[in-house]
Protein backbone atom coordinates (compact mmCIF):
# COMPACT_ATOMS: atom_id res chain seq x y z
CA UNK A 1 0.00 0.00 0.00
CA UNK A 2 2.93 2.34 0.68
CA UNK A 3 4.16 1.98 -2.91
CA UNK A 4 0.69 2.66 -4.30
CA UNK A 5 0.37 5.84 -2.24
CA UNK A 6 3.86 6.92 -3.32
CA UNK A 7 2.82 6.35 -6.93
CA UNK A 8 -0.33 8.38 -6.38
CA UNK A 9 1.78 11.18 -4.91
CA UNK A 10 4.02 11.24 -7.98
CA UNK A 11 1.00 11.43 -10.29
CA UNK A 12 -0.47 14.23 -8.18
CA UNK A 13 2.80 16.16 -8.39
CA UNK A 14 2.71 15.87 -12.19
CA UNK A 15 -0.95 16.91 -12.21
CA UNK A 16 -0.12 19.99 -10.12
CA UNK A 17 2.54 21.03 -12.63
CA UNK A 18 0.18 20.44 -15.54
CA UNK A 19 -2.64 22.34 -13.82
CA UNK A 20 -0.64 25.51 -13.26
CA UNK A 21 0.77 25.33 -16.80
CA UNK A 22 -2.74 24.92 -18.20
CA UNK A 23 -3.90 27.89 -16.14
CA UNK A 24 -1.09 30.04 -17.56
CA UNK A 25 -1.97 29.01 -21.09
CA UNK A 26 -5.74 29.37 -20.84
CA UNK A 27 -6.01 32.55 -18.80
CA UNK A 28 -3.53 34.78 -20.54
CA UNK A 29 -2.49 35.75 -24.04
CA UNK A 30 0.52 36.94 -25.92
CA UNK A 31 3.88 36.94 -24.20
CA UNK A 32 2.35 36.42 -20.72
CA UNK A 33 0.92 33.09 -21.89
CA UNK A 34 4.38 31.77 -22.70
CA UNK A 35 5.98 33.22 -19.58
CA UNK A 36 3.38 31.68 -17.28
CA UNK A 37 3.37 28.30 -19.01
CA UNK A 38 7.04 28.02 -18.08
CA UNK A 39 7.27 30.10 -14.90
CA UNK A 40 4.26 28.73 -12.98
CA UNK A 41 5.31 25.06 -13.11
CA UNK A 42 8.92 26.06 -12.52
CA UNK A 43 7.94 27.94 -9.35
CA UNK A 44 5.92 24.97 -8.09
CA UNK A 45 8.71 22.50 -8.90
CA UNK A 46 11.31 24.69 -7.22
CA UNK A 47 9.28 25.03 -4.02
CA UNK A 48 8.61 21.29 -3.98
CA UNK A 49 12.19 20.35 -4.77
CA UNK A 50 13.69 22.58 -2.10
CA UNK A 51 11.29 21.67 0.72
CA UNK A 52 9.57 18.32 0.25
CA UNK A 53 11.37 16.19 -2.35
CA UNK A 54 13.14 13.12 -0.94
CA UNK A 55 16.53 14.52 -1.96
CA UNK A 56 15.91 18.07 -0.72
CA UNK A 57 18.87 19.42 1.25
CA UNK A 58 16.60 21.20 3.76
CA UNK A 59 13.58 18.95 3.80
CA UNK A 60 10.83 20.31 6.03
CA UNK A 61 8.87 18.23 8.51
CA UNK A 62 5.28 18.49 9.68
CA UNK A 63 3.52 20.84 10.20
CA UNK A 64 5.50 22.80 7.57
CA UNK A 65 5.48 19.85 5.16
CA UNK A 66 1.69 19.70 5.32
CA UNK A 67 1.52 23.47 4.80
CA UNK A 68 3.69 23.27 1.66
CA UNK A 69 1.68 20.33 0.32
CA UNK A 70 -1.56 22.22 0.84
CA UNK A 71 -0.08 25.32 -0.78
CA UNK A 72 1.13 23.43 -3.86
CA UNK A 73 -1.90 21.23 -4.35
CA UNK A 74 -4.31 23.99 -3.33
CA UNK A 75 -2.73 26.28 -5.91
CA UNK A 76 -3.19 23.62 -8.56
CA UNK A 77 -6.86 23.18 -7.63
CA UNK A 78 -7.37 26.97 -7.61
CA UNK A 79 -5.66 27.24 -11.01
CA UNK A 80 -8.07 24.69 -12.46
CA UNK A 81 -11.07 26.51 -10.98
CA UNK A 82 -9.81 29.80 -12.42
CA UNK A 83 -9.35 28.12 -15.80
CA UNK A 84 -13.02 26.99 -15.72
CA UNK A 85 -12.14 23.33 -15.15
CA UNK A 86 -14.26 22.75 -12.03
CA UNK A 87 -14.67 19.01 -12.57
CA UNK A 88 -10.91 18.51 -12.88
CA UNK A 89 -10.40 20.69 -9.80
CA UNK A 90 -12.80 18.54 -7.78
CA UNK A 91 -11.14 15.31 -8.95
CA UNK A 92 -7.67 16.64 -8.16
CA UNK A 93 -8.76 17.97 -4.77
CA UNK A 94 -10.39 14.65 -3.86
CA UNK A 95 -7.33 12.66 -4.93
CA UNK A 96 -5.08 14.95 -2.89
CA UNK A 97 -7.32 14.57 0.16
CA UNK A 98 -7.22 10.78 -0.17
CA UNK A 99 -3.46 10.79 -0.59
CA UNK A 100 -2.79 13.04 2.39
CA UNK A 101 -5.19 11.04 4.58
CA UNK A 102 -3.39 7.85 3.56
CA UNK A 103 -0.01 9.33 4.50
CA UNK A 104 -1.30 9.69 8.06
CA UNK A 105 -2.98 6.28 8.15
CA UNK A 106 0.04 4.48 6.68
CA UNK A 107 2.58 6.34 8.80
CA UNK A 108 4.27 8.02 5.83
CA UNK A 109 4.57 11.45 7.45
CA UNK A 110 8.09 10.84 8.82
C-alpha atoms as a PDB file:
ATOM      1  CA  UNK A   1       0.000   0.000   0.000  1.00  0.00           C
ATOM      2  CA  UNK A   2       2.933   2.337   0.676  1.00  0.00           C
ATOM      3  CA  UNK A   3       4.157   1.980  -2.906  1.00  0.00           C
ATOM      4  CA  UNK A   4       0.695   2.657  -4.303  1.00  0.00           C
ATOM      5  CA  UNK A   5       0.374   5.835  -2.235  1.00  0.00           C
ATOM      6  CA  UNK A   6       3.864   6.924  -3.317  1.00  0.00           C
ATOM      7  CA  UNK A   7       2.818   6.354  -6.933  1.00  0.00           C
ATOM      8  CA  UNK A   8      -0.331   8.379  -6.379  1.00  0.00           C
ATOM      9  CA  UNK A   9       1.776  11.176  -4.912  1.00  0.00           C
ATOM     10  CA  UNK A  10       4.024  11.240  -7.982  1.00  0.00           C
ATOM     11  CA  UNK A  11       0.999  11.432 -10.290  1.00  0.00           C
ATOM     12  CA  UNK A  12      -0.472  14.230  -8.179  1.00  0.00           C
ATOM     13  CA  UNK A  13       2.797  16.158  -8.389  1.00  0.00           C
ATOM     14  CA  UNK A  14       2.710  15.875 -12.187  1.00  0.00           C
ATOM     15  CA  UNK A  15      -0.950  16.915 -12.206  1.00  0.00           C
ATOM     16  CA  UNK A  16      -0.122  19.991 -10.123  1.00  0.00           C
ATOM     17  CA  UNK A  17       2.541  21.025 -12.626  1.00  0.00           C
ATOM     18  CA  UNK A  18       0.175  20.437 -15.541  1.00  0.00           C
ATOM     19  CA  UNK A  19      -2.641  22.342 -13.818  1.00  0.00           C
ATOM     20  CA  UNK A  20      -0.640  25.509 -13.262  1.00  0.00           C
ATOM     21  CA  UNK A  21       0.767  25.326 -16.799  1.00  0.00           C
ATOM     22  CA  UNK A  22      -2.744  24.924 -18.197  1.00  0.00           C
ATOM     23  CA  UNK A  23      -3.895  27.888 -16.143  1.00  0.00           C
ATOM     24  CA  UNK A  24      -1.092  30.044 -17.558  1.00  0.00           C
ATOM     25  CA  UNK A  25      -1.973  29.005 -21.092  1.00  0.00           C
ATOM     26  CA  UNK A  26      -5.742  29.368 -20.835  1.00  0.00           C
ATOM     27  CA  UNK A  27      -6.014  32.547 -18.799  1.00  0.00           C
ATOM     28  CA  UNK A  28      -3.529  34.784 -20.538  1.00  0.00           C
ATOM     29  CA  UNK A  29      -2.491  35.750 -24.036  1.00  0.00           C
ATOM     30  CA  UNK A  30       0.522  36.940 -25.921  1.00  0.00           C
ATOM     31  CA  UNK A  31       3.881  36.945 -24.201  1.00  0.00           C
ATOM     32  CA  UNK A  32       2.354  36.418 -20.720  1.00  0.00           C
ATOM     33  CA  UNK A  33       0.919  33.094 -21.888  1.00  0.00           C
ATOM     34  CA  UNK A  34       4.376  31.769 -22.698  1.00  0.00           C
ATOM     35  CA  UNK A  35       5.984  33.224 -19.583  1.00  0.00           C
ATOM     36  CA  UNK A  36       3.379  31.679 -17.276  1.00  0.00           C
ATOM     37  CA  UNK A  37       3.369  28.300 -19.014  1.00  0.00           C
ATOM     38  CA  UNK A  38       7.042  28.022 -18.084  1.00  0.00           C
ATOM     39  CA  UNK A  39       7.266  30.099 -14.895  1.00  0.00           C
ATOM     40  CA  UNK A  40       4.264  28.734 -12.980  1.00  0.00           C
ATOM     41  CA  UNK A  41       5.307  25.056 -13.112  1.00  0.00           C
ATOM     42  CA  UNK A  42       8.919  26.063 -12.518  1.00  0.00           C
ATOM     43  CA  UNK A  43       7.941  27.944  -9.349  1.00  0.00           C
ATOM     44  CA  UNK A  44       5.916  24.969  -8.092  1.00  0.00           C
ATOM     45  CA  UNK A  45       8.709  22.496  -8.903  1.00  0.00           C
ATOM     46  CA  UNK A  46      11.309  24.695  -7.217  1.00  0.00           C
ATOM     47  CA  UNK A  47       9.281  25.027  -4.023  1.00  0.00           C
ATOM     48  CA  UNK A  48       8.608  21.288  -3.979  1.00  0.00           C
ATOM     49  CA  UNK A  49      12.193  20.346  -4.773  1.00  0.00           C
ATOM     50  CA  UNK A  50      13.692  22.577  -2.097  1.00  0.00           C
ATOM     51  CA  UNK A  51      11.294  21.672   0.716  1.00  0.00           C
ATOM     52  CA  UNK A  52       9.573  18.318   0.254  1.00  0.00           C
ATOM     53  CA  UNK A  53      11.372  16.191  -2.346  1.00  0.00           C
ATOM     54  CA  UNK A  54      13.139  13.123  -0.945  1.00  0.00           C
ATOM     55  CA  UNK A  55      16.535  14.521  -1.959  1.00  0.00           C
ATOM     56  CA  UNK A  56      15.905  18.068  -0.722  1.00  0.00           C
ATOM     57  CA  UNK A  57      18.866  19.425   1.247  1.00  0.00           C
ATOM     58  CA  UNK A  58      16.604  21.201   3.759  1.00  0.00           C
ATOM     59  CA  UNK A  59      13.578  18.952   3.797  1.00  0.00           C
ATOM     60  CA  UNK A  60      10.831  20.313   6.027  1.00  0.00           C
ATOM     61  CA  UNK A  61       8.870  18.232   8.511  1.00  0.00           C
ATOM     62  CA  UNK A  62       5.283  18.495   9.682  1.00  0.00           C
ATOM     63  CA  UNK A  63       3.524  20.836  10.201  1.00  0.00           C
ATOM     64  CA  UNK A  64       5.501  22.797   7.567  1.00  0.00           C
ATOM     65  CA  UNK A  65       5.482  19.854   5.161  1.00  0.00           C
ATOM     66  CA  UNK A  66       1.694  19.701   5.319  1.00  0.00           C
ATOM     67  CA  UNK A  67       1.525  23.468   4.805  1.00  0.00           C
ATOM     68  CA  UNK A  68       3.686  23.274   1.660  1.00  0.00           C
ATOM     69  CA  UNK A  69       1.680  20.329   0.324  1.00  0.00           C
ATOM     70  CA  UNK A  70      -1.563  22.220   0.845  1.00  0.00           C
ATOM     71  CA  UNK A  71      -0.076  25.322  -0.775  1.00  0.00           C
ATOM     72  CA  UNK A  72       1.130  23.434  -3.856  1.00  0.00           C
ATOM     73  CA  UNK A  73      -1.904  21.228  -4.349  1.00  0.00           C
ATOM     74  CA  UNK A  74      -4.312  23.987  -3.330  1.00  0.00           C
ATOM     75  CA  UNK A  75      -2.729  26.283  -5.908  1.00  0.00           C
ATOM     76  CA  UNK A  76      -3.192  23.618  -8.559  1.00  0.00           C
ATOM     77  CA  UNK A  77      -6.863  23.183  -7.634  1.00  0.00           C
ATOM     78  CA  UNK A  78      -7.373  26.972  -7.607  1.00  0.00           C
ATOM     79  CA  UNK A  79      -5.659  27.237 -11.005  1.00  0.00           C
ATOM     80  CA  UNK A  80      -8.073  24.694 -12.456  1.00  0.00           C
ATOM     81  CA  UNK A  81     -11.065  26.508 -10.982  1.00  0.00           C
ATOM     82  CA  UNK A  82      -9.807  29.804 -12.416  1.00  0.00           C
ATOM     83  CA  UNK A  83      -9.353  28.124 -15.804  1.00  0.00           C
ATOM     84  CA  UNK A  84     -13.020  26.989 -15.723  1.00  0.00           C
ATOM     85  CA  UNK A  85     -12.141  23.332 -15.148  1.00  0.00           C
ATOM     86  CA  UNK A  86     -14.264  22.750 -12.034  1.00  0.00           C
ATOM     87  CA  UNK A  87     -14.668  19.007 -12.565  1.00  0.00           C
ATOM     88  CA  UNK A  88     -10.908  18.507 -12.876  1.00  0.00           C
ATOM     89  CA  UNK A  89     -10.400  20.691  -9.804  1.00  0.00           C
ATOM     90  CA  UNK A  90     -12.801  18.536  -7.778  1.00  0.00           C
ATOM     91  CA  UNK A  91     -11.144  15.315  -8.953  1.00  0.00           C
ATOM     92  CA  UNK A  92      -7.667  16.643  -8.162  1.00  0.00           C
ATOM     93  CA  UNK A  93      -8.755  17.967  -4.771  1.00  0.00           C
ATOM     94  CA  UNK A  94     -10.393  14.655  -3.857  1.00  0.00           C
ATOM     95  CA  UNK A  95      -7.334  12.664  -4.933  1.00  0.00           C
ATOM     96  CA  UNK A  96      -5.079  14.948  -2.893  1.00  0.00           C
ATOM     97  CA  UNK A  97      -7.319  14.574   0.163  1.00  0.00           C
ATOM     98  CA  UNK A  98      -7.223  10.779  -0.172  1.00  0.00           C
ATOM     99  CA  UNK A  99      -3.459  10.789  -0.592  1.00  0.00           C
ATOM    100  CA  UNK A 100      -2.792  13.039   2.394  1.00  0.00           C
ATOM    101  CA  UNK A 101      -5.190  11.039   4.582  1.00  0.00           C
ATOM    102  CA  UNK A 102      -3.385   7.846   3.559  1.00  0.00           C
ATOM    103  CA  UNK A 103      -0.014   9.331   4.496  1.00  0.00           C
ATOM    104  CA  UNK A 104      -1.296   9.689   8.063  1.00  0.00           C
ATOM    105  CA  UNK A 105      -2.982   6.279   8.150  1.00  0.00           C
ATOM    106  CA  UNK A 106       0.041   4.482   6.681  1.00  0.00           C
ATOM    107  CA  UNK A 107       2.579   6.339   8.801  1.00  0.00           C
ATOM    108  CA  UNK A 108       4.270   8.023   5.833  1.00  0.00           C
ATOM    109  CA  UNK A 109       4.566  11.453   7.446  1.00  0.00           C
ATOM    110  CA  UNK A 110       8.091  10.844   8.822  1.00  0.00           C
END
